[in-house]
Structure formats: structure tokens, C-alpha cells
PDB file of N, CA and C in Angstrom:
ATOM      1  N   ARG A   1     -18.526 -30.782   1.696  1.00  0.00           N
ATOM      2  CA  ARG A   1     -18.837 -31.890   2.666  1.00  0.00           C
ATOM      3  C   ARG A   1     -18.716 -31.323   3.991  1.00  0.00           C
ATOM      4  N   GLU A   2     -19.775 -31.793   4.825  1.00  0.00           N
ATOM      5  CA  GLU A   2     -19.775 -30.890   6.546  1.00  0.00           C
ATOM      6  C   GLU A   2     -18.223 -31.446   6.755  1.00  0.00           C
ATOM      7  N   ASN A   3     -17.964 -30.691   7.998  1.00  0.00           N
ATOM      8  CA  ASN A   3     -16.939 -30.768   8.754  1.00  0.00           C
ATOM      9  C   ASN A   3     -16.823 -29.752   9.557  1.00  0.00           C
ATOM     10  N   ARG A   4     -16.597 -30.797  10.878  1.00  0.00           N
ATOM     11  CA  ARG A   4     -16.842 -30.154  12.222  1.00  0.00           C
ATOM     12  C   ARG A   4     -15.287 -29.631  12.634  1.00  0.00           C
ATOM     13  N   SER A   5     -14.540 -28.767  11.895  1.00  0.00           N
ATOM     14  CA  SER A   5     -13.719 -28.622  12.361  1.00  0.00           C
ATOM     15  C   SER A   5     -13.608 -26.892  12.330  1.00  0.00           C
ATOM     16  N   GLU A   6     -14.921 -26.050  12.935  1.00  0.00           N
ATOM     17  CA  GLU A   6     -15.007 -24.985  13.788  1.00  0.00           C
ATOM     18  C   GLU A   6     -13.343 -24.333  14.084  1.00  0.00           C
ATOM     19  N   ASN A   7     -12.934 -24.720  14.889  1.00  0.00           N
ATOM     20  CA  ASN A   7     -11.685 -24.118  15.819  1.00  0.00           C
ATOM     21  C   ASN A   7     -10.844 -24.170  14.525  1.00  0.00           C
ATOM     22  N   ILE A   8     -10.400 -24.274  13.147  1.00  0.00           N
ATOM     23  CA  ILE A   8      -9.581 -24.872  12.289  1.00  0.00           C
ATOM     24  C   ILE A   8      -8.781 -23.120  12.375  1.00  0.00           C
ATOM     25  N   LEU A   9      -9.564 -21.559  12.587  1.00  0.00           N
ATOM     26  CA  LEU A   9      -8.864 -20.515  12.276  1.00  0.00           C
ATOM     27  C   LEU A   9      -8.900 -19.783  13.485  1.00  0.00           C
ATOM     28  N   SER A  10      -9.213 -20.992  14.857  1.00  0.00           N
ATOM     29  CA  SER A  10      -9.507 -20.199  16.598  1.00  0.00           C
ATOM     30  C   SER A  10      -7.943 -19.618  16.736  1.00  0.00           C
ATOM     31  N   SER A  11      -6.411 -20.448  16.122  1.00  0.00           N
ATOM     32  CA  SER A  11      -5.333 -20.298  17.156  1.00  0.00           C
ATOM     33  C   SER A  11      -5.411 -18.584  17.271  1.00  0.00           C
ATOM     34  N   ALA A  12      -4.847 -18.370  18.367  1.00  0.00           N
ATOM     35  CA  ALA A  12      -4.856 -16.987  18.803  1.00  0.00           C
ATOM     36  C   ALA A  12      -3.124 -16.602  18.167  1.00  0.00           C
ATOM     37  N   ASN A  13      -2.642 -17.598  18.335  1.00  0.00           N
ATOM     38  CA  ASN A  13      -1.303 -17.312  17.586  1.00  0.00           C
ATOM     39  C   ASN A  13      -0.807 -17.446  16.403  1.00  0.00           C
ATOM     40  N   ARG A  14      -1.799 -17.992  15.376  1.00  0.00           N
ATOM     41  CA  ARG A  14      -1.949 -17.951  13.873  1.00  0.00           C
ATOM     42  C   ARG A  14      -1.520 -16.806  13.326  1.00  0.00           C
ATOM     43  N   LEU A  15      -0.618 -16.159  12.388  1.00  0.00           N
ATOM     44  CA  LEU A  15      -0.994 -15.324  11.801  1.00  0.00           C
ATOM     45  C   LEU A  15      -1.360 -15.320  10.565  1.00  0.00           C
ATOM     46  N   LEU A  16      -2.406 -13.918   9.649  1.00  0.00           N
ATOM     47  CA  LEU A  16      -2.603 -14.155   8.740  1.00  0.00           C
ATOM     48  C   LEU A  16      -1.470 -13.585   7.637  1.00  0.00           C
ATOM     49  N   LEU A  17      -0.607 -14.658   6.261  1.00  0.00           N
ATOM     50  CA  LEU A  17       0.332 -13.440   6.068  1.00  0.00           C
ATOM     51  C   LEU A  17      -0.365 -12.531   4.607  1.00  0.00           C
ATOM     52  N   HIS A  18      -1.190 -13.083   4.041  1.00  0.00           N
ATOM     53  CA  HIS A  18      -1.118 -12.712   2.724  1.00  0.00           C
ATOM     54  C   HIS A  18      -2.964 -13.115   2.363  1.00  0.00           C
ATOM     55  N   GLU A  19      -3.428 -12.323   2.045  1.00  0.00           N
ATOM     56  CA  GLU A  19      -5.085 -12.696   1.302  1.00  0.00           C
ATOM     57  C   GLU A  19      -5.384 -12.082   0.069  1.00  0.00           C
ATOM     58  N   GLY A  20      -6.046 -12.852  -0.716  1.00  0.00           N
ATOM     59  CA  GLY A  20      -6.210 -12.094  -2.315  1.00  0.00           C
ATOM     60  C   GLY A  20      -7.486 -13.057  -3.061  1.00  0.00           C
ATOM     61  N   ARG A  21      -7.807 -12.575  -3.804  1.00  0.00           N
ATOM     62  CA  ARG A  21      -8.659 -12.738  -4.952  1.00  0.00           C
ATOM     63  C   ARG A  21      -7.718 -14.160  -5.861  1.00  0.00           C
ATOM     64  N   LEU A  22      -7.960 -15.121  -6.471  1.00  0.00           N
ATOM     65  CA  LEU A  22      -7.572 -15.328  -7.713  1.00  0.00           C
ATOM     66  C   LEU A  22      -8.123 -16.552  -8.904  1.00  0.00           C
ATOM     67  N   MET A  23      -7.877 -16.672  -9.530  1.00  0.00           N
ATOM     68  CA  MET A  23      -8.458 -17.606 -10.636  1.00  0.00           C
ATOM     69  C   MET A  23      -8.251 -19.032 -10.736  1.00  0.00           C
ATOM     70  N   LEU A  24      -8.662 -19.540 -10.415  1.00  0.00           N
ATOM     71  CA  LEU A  24      -8.111 -20.924 -10.293  1.00  0.00           C
ATOM     72  C   LEU A  24      -8.358 -21.924 -11.826  1.00  0.00           C
ATOM     73  N   VAL A  25      -7.616 -22.856 -11.667  1.00  0.00           N
ATOM     74  CA  VAL A  25      -8.315 -23.537 -13.431  1.00  0.00           C
ATOM     75  C   VAL A  25      -8.153 -24.227 -13.578  1.00  0.00           C
ATOM     76  N   GLU A  26      -9.727 -25.671 -13.133  1.00  0.00           N
ATOM     77  CA  GLU A  26      -9.955 -26.839 -13.240  1.00  0.00           C
ATOM     78  C   GLU A  26     -10.091 -27.393 -14.492  1.00  0.00           C
ATOM     79  N   SER A  27      -9.684 -28.242 -14.891  1.00  0.00           N
ATOM     80  CA  SER A  27      -9.523 -29.015 -16.332  1.00  0.00           C
ATOM     81  C   SER A  27     -10.198 -27.889 -16.946  1.00  0.00           C
ATOM     82  N   THR A  28     -11.666 -27.995 -17.431  1.00  0.00           N
ATOM     83  CA  THR A  28     -11.750 -26.722 -18.413  1.00  0.00           C
ATOM     84  C   THR A  28     -13.318 -25.732 -17.940  1.00  0.00           C
ATOM     85  N   ARG A  29     -13.045 -25.717 -16.764  1.00  0.00           N
ATOM     86  CA  ARG A  29     -13.789 -24.522 -15.956  1.00  0.00           C
ATOM     87  C   ARG A  29     -12.668 -23.433 -15.253  1.00  0.00           C
ATOM     88  N   PHE A  30     -13.121 -22.378 -14.836  1.00  0.00           N
ATOM     89  CA  PHE A  30     -12.328 -21.170 -14.145  1.00  0.00           C
ATOM     90  C   PHE A  30     -13.234 -21.339 -12.502  1.00  0.00           C
ATOM     91  N   LEU A  31     -12.309 -21.220 -11.666  1.00  0.00           N
ATOM     92  CA  LEU A  31     -13.152 -21.053 -10.551  1.00  0.00           C
ATOM     93  C   LEU A  31     -12.678 -19.875  -9.519  1.00  0.00           C
ATOM     94  N   ASP A  32     -13.430 -18.675  -9.217  1.00  0.00           N
ATOM     95  CA  ASP A  32     -13.371 -17.659  -8.953  1.00  0.00           C
ATOM     96  C   ASP A  32     -13.021 -17.892  -7.355  1.00  0.00           C
ATOM     97  N   VAL A  33     -12.124 -17.731  -6.695  1.00  0.00           N
ATOM     98  CA  VAL A  33     -11.481 -18.304  -5.202  1.00  0.00           C
ATOM     99  C   VAL A  33     -10.926 -17.316  -4.480  1.00  0.00           C
ATOM    100  N   TYR A  34     -10.953 -17.576  -3.391  1.00  0.00           N
ATOM    101  CA  TYR A  34     -10.215 -16.461  -2.326  1.00  0.00           C
ATOM    102  C   TYR A  34      -9.447 -17.483  -1.456  1.00  0.00           C
ATOM    103  N   LEU A  35      -8.034 -16.977  -1.374  1.00  0.00           N
ATOM    104  CA  LEU A  35      -6.963 -17.041  -1.012  1.00  0.00           C
ATOM    105  C   LEU A  35      -6.607 -16.603   0.835  1.00  0.00           C
ATOM    106  N   PHE A  36      -6.114 -17.551   1.841  1.00  0.00           N
ATOM    107  CA  PHE A  36      -5.635 -16.912   3.003  1.00  0.00           C
ATOM    108  C   PHE A  36      -4.529 -17.872   3.274  1.00  0.00           C
ATOM    109  N   LEU A  37      -3.170 -17.124   3.055  1.00  0.00           N
ATOM    110  CA  LEU A  37      -2.579 -17.892   3.415  1.00  0.00           C
ATOM    111  C   LEU A  37      -1.987 -17.345   4.823  1.00  0.00           C
ATOM    112  N   PHE A  38      -1.837 -18.673   6.016  1.00  0.00           N
ATOM    113  CA  PHE A  38      -1.178 -18.384   7.367  1.00  0.00           C
ATOM    114  C   PHE A  38       0.058 -18.602   7.407  1.00  0.00           C
ATOM    115  N   GLU A  39       0.318 -18.443   8.286  1.00  0.00           N
ATOM    116  CA  GLU A  39       1.913 -19.134   8.406  1.00  0.00           C
ATOM    117  C   GLU A  39       2.504 -20.500   8.652  1.00  0.00           C
ATOM    118  N   ASP A  40       0.929 -21.045   8.617  1.00  0.00           N
ATOM    119  CA  ASP A  40       1.000 -22.693   8.981  1.00  0.00           C
ATOM    120  C   ASP A  40       0.521 -23.272   7.987  1.00  0.00           C
ATOM    121  N   PHE A  41      -0.519 -22.684   7.125  1.00  0.00           N
ATOM    122  CA  PHE A  41      -1.156 -23.444   5.858  1.00  0.00           C
ATOM    123  C   PHE A  41      -2.023 -22.669   4.896  1.00  0.00           C
ATOM    124  N   LEU A  42      -1.893 -22.925   3.685  1.00  0.00           N
ATOM    125  CA  LEU A  42      -3.229 -22.133   2.986  1.00  0.00           C
ATOM    126  C   LEU A  42      -4.365 -22.702   2.475  1.00  0.00           C
ATOM    127  N   LEU A  43      -5.507 -22.113   3.225  1.00  0.00           N
ATOM    128  CA  LEU A  43      -6.541 -21.963   2.566  1.00  0.00           C
ATOM    129  C   LEU A  43      -7.258 -21.475   1.436  1.00  0.00           C
ATOM    130  N   ILE A  44      -7.979 -22.315   0.670  1.00  0.00           N
ATOM    131  CA  ILE A  44      -8.616 -22.005  -0.683  1.00  0.00           C
ATOM    132  C   ILE A  44     -10.048 -21.919  -0.213  1.00  0.00           C
ATOM    133  N   THR A  45     -10.698 -20.944  -0.737  1.00  0.00           N
ATOM    134  CA  THR A  45     -12.296 -20.612  -0.429  1.00  0.00           C
ATOM    135  C   THR A  45     -13.190 -20.254  -1.912  1.00  0.00           C
ATOM    136  N   LYS A  46     -13.971 -20.973  -2.132  1.00  0.00           N
ATOM    137  CA  LYS A  46     -15.007 -20.434  -2.836  1.00  0.00           C
ATOM    138  C   LYS A  46     -15.501 -19.326  -3.058  1.00  0.00           C
ATOM    139  N   ILE A  47     -15.645 -18.228  -3.727  1.00  0.00           N
ATOM    140  CA  ILE A  47     -16.177 -16.803  -3.692  1.00  0.00           C
ATOM    141  C   ILE A  47     -17.661 -17.536  -4.247  1.00  0.00           C
ATOM    142  N   LYS A  48     -18.621 -17.208  -2.956  1.00  0.00           N
ATOM    143  CA  LYS A  48     -20.162 -16.983  -3.835  1.00  0.00           C
ATOM    144  C   LYS A  48     -20.755 -15.939  -3.397  1.00  0.00           C
ATOM    145  N   ARG A  49     -22.121 -15.619  -4.678  1.00  0.00           N
ATOM    146  CA  ARG A  49     -22.625 -14.515  -4.554  1.00  0.00           C
ATOM    147  C   ARG A  49     -23.970 -14.775  -3.893  1.00  0.00           C
ATOM    148  N   ASN A  50     -24.589 -14.208  -3.028  1.00  0.00           N
ATOM    149  CA  ASN A  50     -26.061 -14.585  -2.716  1.00  0.00           C
ATOM    150  C   ASN A  50     -26.464 -13.547  -3.622  1.00  0.00           C
ATOM    151  N   LYS A  51     -27.798 -14.183  -4.164  1.00  0.00           N
ATOM    152  CA  LYS A  51     -28.533 -13.457  -5.059  1.00  0.00           C
ATOM    153  C   LYS A  51     -29.464 -12.866  -4.286  1.00  0.00           C
ATOM    154  N   LYS A  52     -30.080 -12.900  -2.842  1.00  0.00           N
ATOM    155  CA  LYS A  52     -30.512 -11.590  -2.125  1.00  0.00           C
ATOM    156  C   LYS A  52     -29.758 -11.399  -0.957  1.00  0.00           C
ATOM    157  N   LYS A  53     -29.842  -9.707  -1.454  1.00  0.00           N
ATOM    158  CA  LYS A  53     -29.781  -8.931  -0.351  1.00  0.00           C
ATOM    159  C   LYS A  53     -30.095  -8.480   0.229  1.00  0.00           C
ATOM    160  N   TYR A  54     -28.988  -8.471   1.600  1.00  0.00           N
ATOM    161  CA  TYR A  54     -29.516  -8.690   3.480  1.00  0.00           C
ATOM    162  C   TYR A  54     -29.897  -7.077   3.942  1.00  0.00           C
ATOM    163  N   GLY A  55     -30.645  -7.232   4.610  1.00  0.00           N
ATOM    164  CA  GLY A  55     -31.468  -5.538   4.836  1.00  0.00           C
ATOM    165  C   GLY A  55     -31.761  -4.964   4.022  1.00  0.00           C
ATOM    166  N   GLY A  56     -32.811  -5.246   3.286  1.00  0.00           N
ATOM    167  CA  GLY A  56     -33.102  -4.696   1.847  1.00  0.00           C
ATOM    168  C   GLY A  56     -31.775  -3.779   1.164  1.00  0.00           C
ATOM    169  N   SER A  57     -32.177  -2.698   0.485  1.00  0.00           N
ATOM    170  CA  SER A  57     -31.220  -1.974  -0.170  1.00  0.00           C
ATOM    171  C   SER A  57     -30.378  -1.476   0.591  1.00  0.00           C
ATOM    172  N   ASP A  58     -30.338  -1.203   1.682  1.00  0.00           N
ATOM    173  CA  ASP A  58     -29.213  -0.371   2.178  1.00  0.00           C
ATOM    174  C   ASP A  58     -28.205  -1.912   3.288  1.00  0.00           C
ATOM    175  N   THR A  59     -27.535  -2.078   2.440  1.00  0.00           N
ATOM    176  CA  THR A  59     -26.348  -2.920   2.848  1.00  0.00           C
ATOM    177  C   THR A  59     -25.347  -2.688   3.701  1.00  0.00           C
ATOM    178  N   SER A  60     -25.034  -1.313   3.955  1.00  0.00           N
ATOM    179  CA  SER A  60     -23.993  -0.661   4.418  1.00  0.00           C
ATOM    180  C   SER A  60     -23.814  -1.036   6.143  1.00  0.00           C
ATOM    181  N   PHE A  61     -24.628  -1.189   6.480  1.00  0.00           N
ATOM    182  CA  PHE A  61     -24.753  -1.460   8.119  1.00  0.00           C
ATOM    183  C   PHE A  61     -24.821  -3.040   8.492  1.00  0.00           C
ATOM    184  N   ILE A  62     -24.562  -4.168   7.268  1.00  0.00           N
ATOM    185  CA  ILE A  62     -24.054  -5.283   7.641  1.00  0.00           C
ATOM    186  C   ILE A  62     -22.634  -5.057   8.790  1.00  0.00           C
ATOM    187  N   PRO A  63     -22.207  -5.976   9.889  1.00  0.00           N
ATOM    188  CA  PRO A  63     -21.169  -5.298  10.539  1.00  0.00           C
ATOM    189  C   PRO A  63     -20.179  -6.341   9.885  1.00  0.00           C
ATOM    190  N   VAL A  64     -18.820  -5.709   9.523  1.00  0.00           N
ATOM    191  CA  VAL A  64     -18.177  -6.904   8.638  1.00  0.00           C
ATOM    192  C   VAL A  64     -16.915  -6.471   9.349  1.00  0.00           C
ATOM    193  N   CYS A  65     -15.683  -7.253   9.854  1.00  0.00           N
ATOM    194  CA  CYS A  65     -14.533  -7.518  10.534  1.00  0.00           C
ATOM    195  C   CYS A  65     -13.566  -7.095   9.925  1.00  0.00           C
ATOM    196  N   PRO A  66     -13.059  -5.405  10.548  1.00  0.00           N
ATOM    197  CA  PRO A  66     -12.523  -4.425  10.452  1.00  0.00           C
ATOM    198  C   PRO A  66     -10.973  -4.971   9.655  1.00  0.00           C
ATOM    199  N   SER A  67     -10.583  -6.144  10.145  1.00  0.00           N
ATOM    200  CA  SER A  67      -9.203  -6.400   9.655  1.00  0.00           C
ATOM    201  C   SER A  67      -9.115  -7.393   8.177  1.00  0.00           C
ATOM    202  N   LEU A  68     -10.242  -7.450   7.573  1.00  0.00           N
ATOM    203  CA  LEU A  68     -10.428  -7.829   6.359  1.00  0.00           C
ATOM    204  C   LEU A  68      -9.950  -6.707   5.048  1.00  0.00           C
ATOM    205  N   THR A  69      -9.889  -7.227   4.049  1.00  0.00           N
ATOM    206  CA  THR A  69      -8.998  -6.219   3.270  1.00  0.00           C
ATOM    207  C   THR A  69     -10.628  -5.877   3.008  1.00  0.00           C
ATOM    208  N   PRO A  70     -10.478  -4.267   2.498  1.00  0.00           N
ATOM    209  CA  PRO A  70     -11.397  -3.579   1.736  1.00  0.00           C
ATOM    210  C   PRO A  70     -12.229  -4.170   0.355  1.00  0.00           C
ATOM    211  N   GLU A  71     -11.850  -5.251   0.032  1.00  0.00           N
ATOM    212  CA  GLU A  71     -12.126  -5.781  -1.445  1.00  0.00           C
ATOM    213  C   GLU A  71     -12.786  -6.815  -0.648  1.00  0.00           C
ATOM    214  N   LEU A  72     -12.744  -7.549   0.210  1.00  0.00           N
ATOM    215  CA  LEU A  72     -13.471  -8.735   0.939  1.00  0.00           C
ATOM    216  C   LEU A  72     -14.752  -8.088   1.974  1.00  0.00           C
ATOM    217  N   GLN A  73     -14.423  -6.787   2.400  1.00  0.00           N
ATOM    218  CA  GLN A  73     -15.238  -6.066   3.148  1.00  0.00           C
ATOM    219  C   GLN A  73     -16.608  -5.879   2.467  1.00  0.00           C
ATOM    220  N   SER A  74     -16.274  -5.375   1.194  1.00  0.00           N
ATOM    221  CA  SER A  74     -17.413  -4.596  -0.083  1.00  0.00           C
ATOM    222  C   SER A  74     -17.879  -6.082  -0.353  1.00  0.00           C
ATOM    223  N   PHE A  75     -17.323  -6.866  -0.543  1.00  0.00           N
ATOM    224  CA  PHE A  75     -17.995  -8.085  -1.116  1.00  0.00           C
ATOM    225  C   PHE A  75     -18.914  -9.318  -0.032  1.00  0.00           C
ATOM    226  N   VAL A  76     -18.818  -8.939   1.351  1.00  0.00           N
ATOM    227  CA  VAL A  76     -19.211  -9.133   1.776  1.00  0.00           C
ATOM    228  C   VAL A  76     -20.412  -8.745   2.311  1.00  0.00           C
ATOM    229  N   ARG A  77     -20.621  -6.953   2.069  1.00  0.00           N
ATOM    230  CA  ARG A  77     -21.370  -6.104   2.268  1.00  0.00           C
ATOM    231  C   ARG A  77     -22.505  -6.563   0.977  1.00  0.00           C
ATOM    232  N   GLU A  78     -22.179  -6.920  -0.415  1.00  0.00           N
ATOM    233  CA  GLU A  78     -22.886  -7.508  -1.311  1.00  0.00           C
ATOM    234  C   GLU A  78     -23.716  -8.551  -1.101  1.00  0.00           C
ATOM    235  N   GLY A  79     -23.261  -9.080   0.124  1.00  0.00           N
ATOM    236  CA  GLY A  79     -24.155 -10.558   0.524  1.00  0.00           C
ATOM    237  C   GLY A  79     -23.357 -11.645  -0.223  1.00  0.00           C
ATOM    238  N   GLY A  80     -22.235 -11.282  -0.230  1.00  0.00           N
ATOM    239  CA  GLY A  80     -21.599 -12.583  -0.792  1.00  0.00           C
ATOM    240  C   GLY A  80     -20.421 -13.195   0.593  1.00  0.00           C
ATOM    241  N   PHE A  81     -20.101 -14.197   0.170  1.00  0.00           N
ATOM    242  CA  PHE A  81     -19.641 -15.624   1.435  1.00  0.00           C
ATOM    243  C   PHE A  81     -18.661 -16.160   0.609  1.00  0.00           C
ATOM    244  N   CYS A  82     -17.469 -16.276   1.254  1.00  0.00           N
ATOM    245  CA  CYS A  82     -16.568 -17.862   0.947  1.00  0.00           C
ATOM    246  C   CYS A  82     -17.042 -18.974   1.931  1.00  0.00           C
ATOM    247  N   THR A  83     -16.658 -20.127   1.103  1.00  0.00           N
ATOM    248  CA  THR A  83     -16.884 -21.684   1.661  1.00  0.00           C
ATOM    249  C   THR A  83     -15.777 -22.266   1.645  1.00  0.00           C
ATOM    250  N   VAL A  84     -14.959 -23.128   2.364  1.00  0.00           N
ATOM    251  CA  VAL A  84     -13.856 -23.554   2.211  1.00  0.00           C
ATOM    252  C   VAL A  84     -14.137 -24.237   1.052  1.00  0.00           C
ATOM    253  N   LEU A  85     -13.134 -24.827  -0.097  1.00  0.00           N
ATOM    254  CA  LEU A  85     -13.161 -25.634  -1.309  1.00  0.00           C
ATOM    255  C   LEU A  85     -12.815 -26.779  -0.853  1.00  0.00           C
ATOM    256  N   ASP A  86     -11.587 -26.749  -0.020  1.00  0.00           N
ATOM    257  CA  ASP A  86     -10.936 -28.236   0.447  1.00  0.00           C
ATOM    258  C   ASP A  86     -10.295 -28.036   1.677  1.00  0.00           C
ATOM    259  N   GLN A  87      -9.292 -28.857   2.234  1.00  0.00           N
ATOM    260  CA  GLN A  87      -8.823 -29.429   3.332  1.00  0.00           C
ATOM    261  C   GLN A  87      -7.620 -27.952   2.930  1.00  0.00           C
ATOM    262  N   PRO A  88      -7.408 -27.348   4.331  1.00  0.00           N
ATOM    263  CA  PRO A  88      -6.027 -26.610   4.329  1.00  0.00           C
ATOM    264  C   PRO A  88      -4.861 -27.355   4.047  1.00  0.00           C
ATOM    265  N   ILE A  89      -4.060 -26.702   2.910  1.00  0.00           N
ATOM    266  CA  ILE A  89      -2.759 -27.469   2.758  1.00  0.00           C
ATOM    267  C   ILE A  89      -1.490 -26.710   3.368  1.00  0.00           C
ATOM    268  N   PRO A  90      -0.695 -27.323   4.573  1.00  0.00           N
ATOM    269  CA  PRO A  90       0.158 -27.534   5.479  1.00  0.00           C
ATOM    270  C   PRO A  90       1.173 -26.980   4.452  1.00  0.00           C
ATOM    271  N   LEU A  91       1.895 -25.940   4.845  1.00  0.00           N
ATOM    272  CA  LEU A  91       2.842 -25.019   4.289  1.00  0.00           C
ATOM    273  C   LEU A  91       4.217 -26.241   4.340  1.00  0.00           C
ATOM    274  N   ASP A  92       4.126 -27.244   4.287  1.00  0.00           N
ATOM    275  CA  ASP A  92       5.522 -27.759   4.584  1.00  0.00           C
ATOM    276  C   ASP A  92       5.124 -28.911   3.604  1.00  0.00           C
ATOM    277  N   ARG A  93       4.216 -29.325   3.321  1.00  0.00           N
ATOM    278  CA  ARG A  93       3.666 -30.116   1.808  1.00  0.00           C
ATOM    279  C   ARG A  93       3.063 -29.246   0.712  1.00  0.00           C
ATOM    280  N   LEU A  94       3.823 -28.270   0.768  1.00  0.00           N
ATOM    281  CA  LEU A  94       3.035 -27.257  -0.150  1.00  0.00           C
ATOM    282  C   LEU A  94       4.275 -26.891  -1.518  1.00  0.00           C
ATOM    283  N   ILE A  95       4.077 -27.158  -2.661  1.00  0.00           N
ATOM    284  CA  ILE A  95       5.252 -26.920  -3.926  1.00  0.00           C
ATOM    285  C   ILE A  95       4.756 -26.032  -4.766  1.00  0.00           C
ATOM    286  N   LEU A  96       5.535 -24.723  -4.578  1.00  0.00           N
ATOM    287  CA  LEU A  96       4.921 -23.470  -5.556  1.00  0.00           C
ATOM    288  C   LEU A  96       5.805 -23.902  -7.207  1.00  0.00           C
ATOM    289  N   LYS A  97       5.127 -23.795  -8.140  1.00  0.00           N
ATOM    290  CA  LYS A  97       5.874 -23.650  -9.379  1.00  0.00           C
ATOM    291  C   LYS A  97       5.371 -22.584  -9.940  1.00  0.00           C
ATOM    292  N   ASN A  98       6.446 -21.768 -10.931  1.00  0.00           N
ATOM    293  CA  ASN A  98       5.876 -20.755 -12.207  1.00  0.00           C
ATOM    294  C   ASN A  98       5.629 -21.773 -13.342  1.00  0.00           C
ATOM    295  N   VAL A  99       4.189 -21.059 -13.501  1.00  0.00           N
ATOM    296  CA  VAL A  99       4.072 -21.554 -14.788  1.00  0.00           C
ATOM    297  C   VAL A  99       3.489 -20.158 -15.653  1.00  0.00           C
ATOM    298  N   GLU A 100       3.625 -20.673 -17.171  1.00  0.00           N
ATOM    299  CA  GLU A 100       3.643 -19.289 -18.463  1.00  0.00           C
ATOM    300  C   GLU A 100       1.788 -18.996 -18.253  1.00  0.00           C
ATOM    301  N   PRO A 101       1.687 -17.828 -18.418  1.00  0.00           N
ATOM    302  CA  PRO A 101       0.096 -17.607 -18.894  1.00  0.00           C
ATOM    303  C   PRO A 101      -0.624 -18.064 -19.376  1.00  0.00           C
ATOM    304  N   ILE A 102      -1.856 -18.520 -19.597  1.00  0.00           N
ATOM    305  CA  ILE A 102      -2.648 -19.237 -20.783  1.00  0.00           C
ATOM    306  C   ILE A 102      -2.646 -17.903 -21.399  1.00  0.00           C
TER     307      ILE A 102
END
């Protein structure tokens, strides 16, 4: 769904507390996601792999933000990208529960 909220991450005062890859279980399928935990909300993005490589066979010259984790930097260099899966979840409305591994 198109959403014109490009400024969602533009707050200069917002802190990124943690980020990382996770496997999300949706009924009968598994979804490879990348989470961004900010001080005020959780952003869930879907990992997508581009079948075409940018810049021919050498992708080491693609500019990547230095503040990203090495894992995410290499993923972007390989032509991957993340799209927002759903609305950000405000932390004051988030409930976490421990579950047993499947």
C-alpha cells in the first residue's frame, strides 16, 4: 500500500536502539523480516532480494550508509532492499510474550 509518510524516520532526535534479522511466522508461511527498534516504535520490514545486480558484476562501489550493520550493508550491496511491512508499532502499545520454539 502506498503511504506518503516519507518523514517517518527523519526525526533527528530518534534513536535506533537495535536492528536485526528475524523469521516471522504468518499462519502457514515463514517470512524473512528485518526489524528496526527505535526508542518510540518498532518497524518491521520485509527483506526482498533483487534478481538483477546493480553496476554489473562489481557491486562494491554501491554507496551504503556506514551506520548500518555489516550484515545489512552486504545485503544492500548484493541488490537487496527492505520494504515496510506494516504500520510502525508504538512501543507504548506493544506487548511482548515469550513463546516456546517450534
